């Protein structure tokens, strides 16, 4: 199973663009910080996760002026492209906090 729920703030929101098929696409990143339990210890986790969103959710994010705004993203992980090893969160839903 490949399901991800990640909270954080939206950063580096790029300009809304469209695929050749006319589907809206928007790239951004999520800056996450939390405390997690690992091996019986508390660990601070900080990361910037590159993300991409398509369709109406991309349009909603672009219209929301969401830079530095808290969000919760839901989606799955995939490679950026067939030749890349970089992991990207493909967000299927974004909730503004």
N, C-alpha and C. Protein backbone atom coordinates (compact mmCIF):
# COMPACT_ATOMS: atom_id res chain seq x y z
N UNK A 1 0.84 -1.17 0.00
CA UNK A 1 0.00 0.00 0.00
C UNK A 1 0.89 1.24 0.00
N UNK A 2 0.50 2.25 -0.74
CA UNK A 2 1.26 3.48 -0.88
C UNK A 2 0.31 4.65 -0.62
N UNK A 3 0.15 4.99 0.66
CA UNK A 3 -0.70 6.11 1.06
C UNK A 3 0.08 6.99 2.02
N UNK A 4 0.01 8.30 1.81
CA UNK A 4 0.75 9.24 2.64
C UNK A 4 -0.19 10.35 3.10
N UNK A 5 -0.11 10.69 4.39
CA UNK A 5 -0.75 11.87 4.94
C UNK A 5 0.37 12.67 5.57
N UNK A 6 0.56 13.91 5.11
CA UNK A 6 1.67 14.73 5.59
C UNK A 6 1.17 16.14 5.87
N UNK A 7 1.43 16.61 7.09
CA UNK A 7 1.06 17.98 7.43
C UNK A 7 2.31 18.85 7.40
N UNK A 8 2.10 20.13 7.22
CA UNK A 8 3.20 21.07 7.20
C UNK A 8 2.75 22.40 6.64
N UNK A 9 3.70 23.15 6.10
CA UNK A 9 3.35 24.41 5.44
C UNK A 9 3.73 24.31 3.97
N UNK A 10 2.93 24.94 3.13
CA UNK A 10 3.17 24.93 1.68
C UNK A 10 4.26 25.94 1.36
N UNK A 11 5.24 25.51 0.59
CA UNK A 11 6.36 26.37 0.18
C UNK A 11 6.61 26.22 -1.31
N UNK A 12 7.34 27.16 -1.85
CA UNK A 12 7.82 27.07 -3.25
C UNK A 12 6.72 26.71 -4.23
N UNK A 13 5.57 27.33 -4.08
CA UNK A 13 4.46 27.04 -4.99
C UNK A 13 4.77 27.66 -6.35
N UNK A 14 4.87 26.82 -7.34
CA UNK A 14 5.19 27.27 -8.69
C UNK A 14 3.95 27.81 -9.39
N UNK A 15 4.14 28.29 -10.59
CA UNK A 15 3.03 28.81 -11.37
C UNK A 15 2.18 27.65 -11.91
N UNK A 16 0.88 27.83 -11.87
CA UNK A 16 -0.04 26.82 -12.40
C UNK A 16 0.22 26.66 -13.89
N UNK A 17 0.33 25.41 -14.34
CA UNK A 17 0.51 25.15 -15.77
C UNK A 17 -0.46 24.04 -16.17
N UNK A 18 -0.47 23.73 -17.44
CA UNK A 18 -1.40 22.72 -17.95
C UNK A 18 -0.65 21.70 -18.80
N UNK A 19 -1.07 20.44 -18.69
CA UNK A 19 -0.50 19.39 -19.51
C UNK A 19 -1.01 19.57 -20.94
N UNK A 20 -0.40 18.88 -21.92
CA UNK A 20 -0.92 18.95 -23.29
C UNK A 20 -2.39 18.53 -23.40
N UNK A 21 -2.84 17.71 -22.46
CA UNK A 21 -4.24 17.28 -22.45
C UNK A 21 -5.16 18.29 -21.77
N UNK A 22 -4.58 19.40 -21.26
CA UNK A 22 -5.38 20.46 -20.64
C UNK A 22 -5.64 20.28 -19.16
N UNK A 23 -4.90 19.39 -18.51
CA UNK A 23 -5.08 19.15 -17.07
C UNK A 23 -4.18 20.09 -16.29
N UNK A 24 -4.75 20.78 -15.30
CA UNK A 24 -3.98 21.70 -14.46
C UNK A 24 -2.97 20.91 -13.63
N UNK A 25 -1.76 21.47 -13.48
CA UNK A 25 -0.73 20.83 -12.68
C UNK A 25 0.03 21.93 -11.92
N UNK A 26 0.35 21.63 -10.66
CA UNK A 26 1.04 22.60 -9.82
C UNK A 26 2.07 21.87 -8.97
N UNK A 27 3.29 22.36 -8.99
CA UNK A 27 4.36 21.80 -8.17
C UNK A 27 4.59 22.71 -6.97
N UNK A 28 4.90 22.11 -5.83
CA UNK A 28 5.16 22.84 -4.60
C UNK A 28 5.94 21.93 -3.67
N UNK A 29 6.21 22.38 -2.46
CA UNK A 29 6.82 21.51 -1.47
C UNK A 29 6.11 21.71 -0.13
N UNK A 30 6.22 20.70 0.72
CA UNK A 30 5.62 20.73 2.05
C UNK A 30 6.76 20.67 3.06
N UNK A 31 6.86 21.67 3.92
CA UNK A 31 7.84 21.65 5.01
C UNK A 31 7.15 21.09 6.24
N UNK A 32 7.66 19.95 6.70
CA UNK A 32 7.07 19.22 7.82
C UNK A 32 8.02 19.22 9.01
N UNK A 33 7.46 19.34 10.20
CA UNK A 33 8.23 19.22 11.44
C UNK A 33 7.33 18.56 12.47
N UNK A 34 7.86 17.50 13.11
CA UNK A 34 7.10 16.80 14.14
C UNK A 34 8.05 16.05 15.06
N UNK A 35 7.49 15.51 16.12
CA UNK A 35 8.23 14.64 17.02
C UNK A 35 7.65 13.24 16.87
N UNK A 36 8.52 12.27 16.63
CA UNK A 36 8.10 10.88 16.42
C UNK A 36 8.81 9.98 17.42
N UNK A 37 8.16 8.89 17.77
CA UNK A 37 8.77 7.89 18.64
C UNK A 37 9.52 6.89 17.77
N UNK A 38 10.78 6.62 18.13
CA UNK A 38 11.58 5.64 17.41
C UNK A 38 12.48 4.93 18.39
N UNK A 39 12.37 3.62 18.45
CA UNK A 39 13.18 2.79 19.35
C UNK A 39 13.08 3.28 20.79
N UNK A 40 11.87 3.66 21.19
CA UNK A 40 11.64 4.09 22.56
C UNK A 40 12.12 5.50 22.87
N UNK A 41 12.54 6.22 21.88
CA UNK A 41 13.05 7.59 22.07
C UNK A 41 12.22 8.57 21.25
N UNK A 42 12.21 9.82 21.68
CA UNK A 42 11.57 10.88 20.91
C UNK A 42 12.58 11.42 19.90
N UNK A 43 12.13 11.62 18.70
CA UNK A 43 12.99 12.12 17.64
C UNK A 43 12.29 13.25 16.91
N UNK A 44 12.98 14.37 16.71
CA UNK A 44 12.45 15.47 15.94
C UNK A 44 12.70 15.19 14.46
N UNK A 45 11.63 15.28 13.68
CA UNK A 45 11.71 15.03 12.24
C UNK A 45 11.43 16.34 11.52
N UNK A 46 12.34 16.72 10.62
CA UNK A 46 12.15 17.90 9.79
C UNK A 46 12.47 17.52 8.35
N UNK A 47 11.60 17.91 7.43
CA UNK A 47 11.87 17.61 6.03
C UNK A 47 11.09 18.54 5.12
N UNK A 48 11.60 18.71 3.92
CA UNK A 48 10.90 19.40 2.84
C UNK A 48 10.62 18.34 1.78
N UNK A 49 9.34 18.09 1.53
CA UNK A 49 8.93 17.06 0.58
C UNK A 49 8.42 17.72 -0.70
N UNK A 50 9.08 17.45 -1.83
CA UNK A 50 8.54 17.96 -3.09
C UNK A 50 7.20 17.29 -3.38
N UNK A 51 6.28 18.07 -3.94
CA UNK A 51 4.93 17.55 -4.19
C UNK A 51 4.40 18.10 -5.51
N UNK A 52 3.42 17.39 -6.03
CA UNK A 52 2.75 17.79 -7.26
C UNK A 52 1.27 17.46 -7.12
N UNK A 53 0.44 18.28 -7.71
CA UNK A 53 -1.00 18.07 -7.63
C UNK A 53 -1.60 18.40 -9.00
N UNK A 54 -2.65 17.67 -9.36
CA UNK A 54 -3.28 17.81 -10.68
C UNK A 54 -4.76 18.17 -10.55
N UNK A 55 -5.31 18.67 -11.63
CA UNK A 55 -6.75 18.88 -11.75
C UNK A 55 -7.30 19.99 -10.87
N UNK A 56 -8.56 19.83 -10.43
CA UNK A 56 -9.22 20.86 -9.63
C UNK A 56 -8.49 21.18 -8.33
N UNK A 57 -7.82 20.20 -7.74
CA UNK A 57 -7.09 20.46 -6.49
C UNK A 57 -5.91 21.39 -6.77
N UNK A 58 -5.27 21.24 -7.92
CA UNK A 58 -4.18 22.15 -8.32
C UNK A 58 -4.71 23.56 -8.50
N UNK A 59 -5.86 23.69 -9.13
CA UNK A 59 -6.45 25.01 -9.32
C UNK A 59 -6.82 25.66 -7.99
N UNK A 60 -7.34 24.86 -7.07
CA UNK A 60 -7.72 25.37 -5.75
C UNK A 60 -6.50 25.84 -4.98
N UNK A 61 -5.40 25.07 -5.03
CA UNK A 61 -4.18 25.45 -4.34
C UNK A 61 -3.60 26.73 -4.95
N UNK A 62 -3.61 26.83 -6.26
CA UNK A 62 -3.08 28.02 -6.94
C UNK A 62 -3.88 29.27 -6.56
N UNK A 63 -5.19 29.13 -6.44
CA UNK A 63 -6.05 30.27 -6.13
C UNK A 63 -6.01 30.67 -4.66
N UNK A 64 -5.50 29.79 -3.80
CA UNK A 64 -5.58 30.02 -2.36
C UNK A 64 -4.47 30.90 -1.80
N UNK A 65 -3.47 31.26 -2.61
CA UNK A 65 -2.33 32.02 -2.10
C UNK A 65 -1.83 31.34 -0.82
N UNK A 66 -1.44 30.07 -0.94
CA UNK A 66 -1.17 29.21 0.21
C UNK A 66 0.28 29.18 0.69
N UNK A 67 1.17 29.98 0.12
CA UNK A 67 2.57 29.96 0.56
C UNK A 67 2.65 30.27 2.05
N UNK A 68 3.37 29.42 2.78
CA UNK A 68 3.55 29.49 4.23
C UNK A 68 2.27 29.23 5.02
N UNK A 69 1.28 28.68 4.37
CA UNK A 69 0.01 28.37 5.03
C UNK A 69 0.01 26.90 5.45
N UNK A 70 -0.45 26.58 6.67
CA UNK A 70 -0.51 25.18 7.11
C UNK A 70 -1.49 24.37 6.27
N UNK A 71 -1.04 23.18 5.86
CA UNK A 71 -1.88 22.29 5.06
C UNK A 71 -1.70 20.85 5.53
N UNK A 72 -2.64 20.02 5.15
CA UNK A 72 -2.52 18.57 5.28
C UNK A 72 -2.71 18.01 3.88
N UNK A 73 -1.74 17.24 3.43
CA UNK A 73 -1.81 16.63 2.10
C UNK A 73 -2.06 15.13 2.24
N UNK A 74 -2.81 14.60 1.31
CA UNK A 74 -3.05 13.16 1.23
C UNK A 74 -2.74 12.74 -0.19
N UNK A 75 -2.03 11.63 -0.32
CA UNK A 75 -1.69 11.17 -1.65
C UNK A 75 -0.81 9.94 -1.62
N UNK A 76 0.10 9.84 -2.60
CA UNK A 76 0.98 8.68 -2.70
C UNK A 76 2.36 9.14 -3.16
N UNK A 77 3.36 8.29 -2.97
CA UNK A 77 4.73 8.59 -3.38
C UNK A 77 5.03 7.93 -4.71
N UNK A 78 5.77 8.65 -5.56
CA UNK A 78 6.22 8.10 -6.84
C UNK A 78 7.50 8.82 -7.25
N UNK A 79 8.21 8.24 -8.22
CA UNK A 79 9.37 8.92 -8.77
C UNK A 79 8.93 10.15 -9.55
N UNK A 80 9.81 11.15 -9.59
CA UNK A 80 9.51 12.37 -10.36
C UNK A 80 9.27 12.02 -11.83
N UNK A 81 10.07 11.10 -12.36
CA UNK A 81 9.91 10.65 -13.75
C UNK A 81 10.47 9.23 -13.84
N UNK A 82 10.31 8.62 -14.99
CA UNK A 82 10.79 7.25 -15.18
C UNK A 82 12.30 7.14 -14.99
N UNK A 83 13.04 8.17 -15.34
CA UNK A 83 14.50 8.14 -15.25
C UNK A 83 15.05 8.71 -13.96
N UNK A 84 14.20 9.26 -13.12
CA UNK A 84 14.64 9.92 -11.89
C UNK A 84 14.51 8.98 -10.70
N UNK A 85 15.35 9.19 -9.70
CA UNK A 85 15.21 8.45 -8.44
C UNK A 85 14.63 9.35 -7.35
N UNK A 86 14.38 10.63 -7.67
CA UNK A 86 13.81 11.55 -6.69
C UNK A 86 12.35 11.19 -6.43
N UNK A 87 11.98 11.15 -5.14
CA UNK A 87 10.62 10.83 -4.73
C UNK A 87 9.80 12.12 -4.63
N UNK A 88 8.56 12.06 -5.11
CA UNK A 88 7.65 13.19 -5.07
C UNK A 88 6.32 12.73 -4.50
N UNK A 89 5.73 13.56 -3.65
CA UNK A 89 4.40 13.29 -3.14
C UNK A 89 3.37 13.75 -4.18
N UNK A 90 2.58 12.82 -4.68
CA UNK A 90 1.49 13.16 -5.59
C UNK A 90 0.25 13.37 -4.72
N UNK A 91 -0.07 14.62 -4.50
CA UNK A 91 -1.18 14.95 -3.59
C UNK A 91 -2.51 14.82 -4.33
N UNK A 92 -3.40 14.06 -3.77
CA UNK A 92 -4.74 13.92 -4.35
C UNK A 92 -5.76 14.77 -3.61
N UNK A 93 -5.38 15.23 -2.40
CA UNK A 93 -6.26 16.08 -1.60
C UNK A 93 -5.40 17.00 -0.76
N UNK A 94 -5.82 18.24 -0.63
CA UNK A 94 -5.15 19.22 0.23
C UNK A 94 -6.19 19.89 1.09
N UNK A 95 -5.94 19.88 2.39
CA UNK A 95 -6.83 20.53 3.35
C UNK A 95 -6.07 21.69 3.96
N UNK A 96 -6.67 22.86 3.96
CA UNK A 96 -6.06 24.04 4.57
C UNK A 96 -6.40 24.07 6.05
N UNK A 97 -5.41 24.38 6.86
CA UNK A 97 -5.60 24.40 8.32
C UNK A 97 -5.82 25.80 8.82
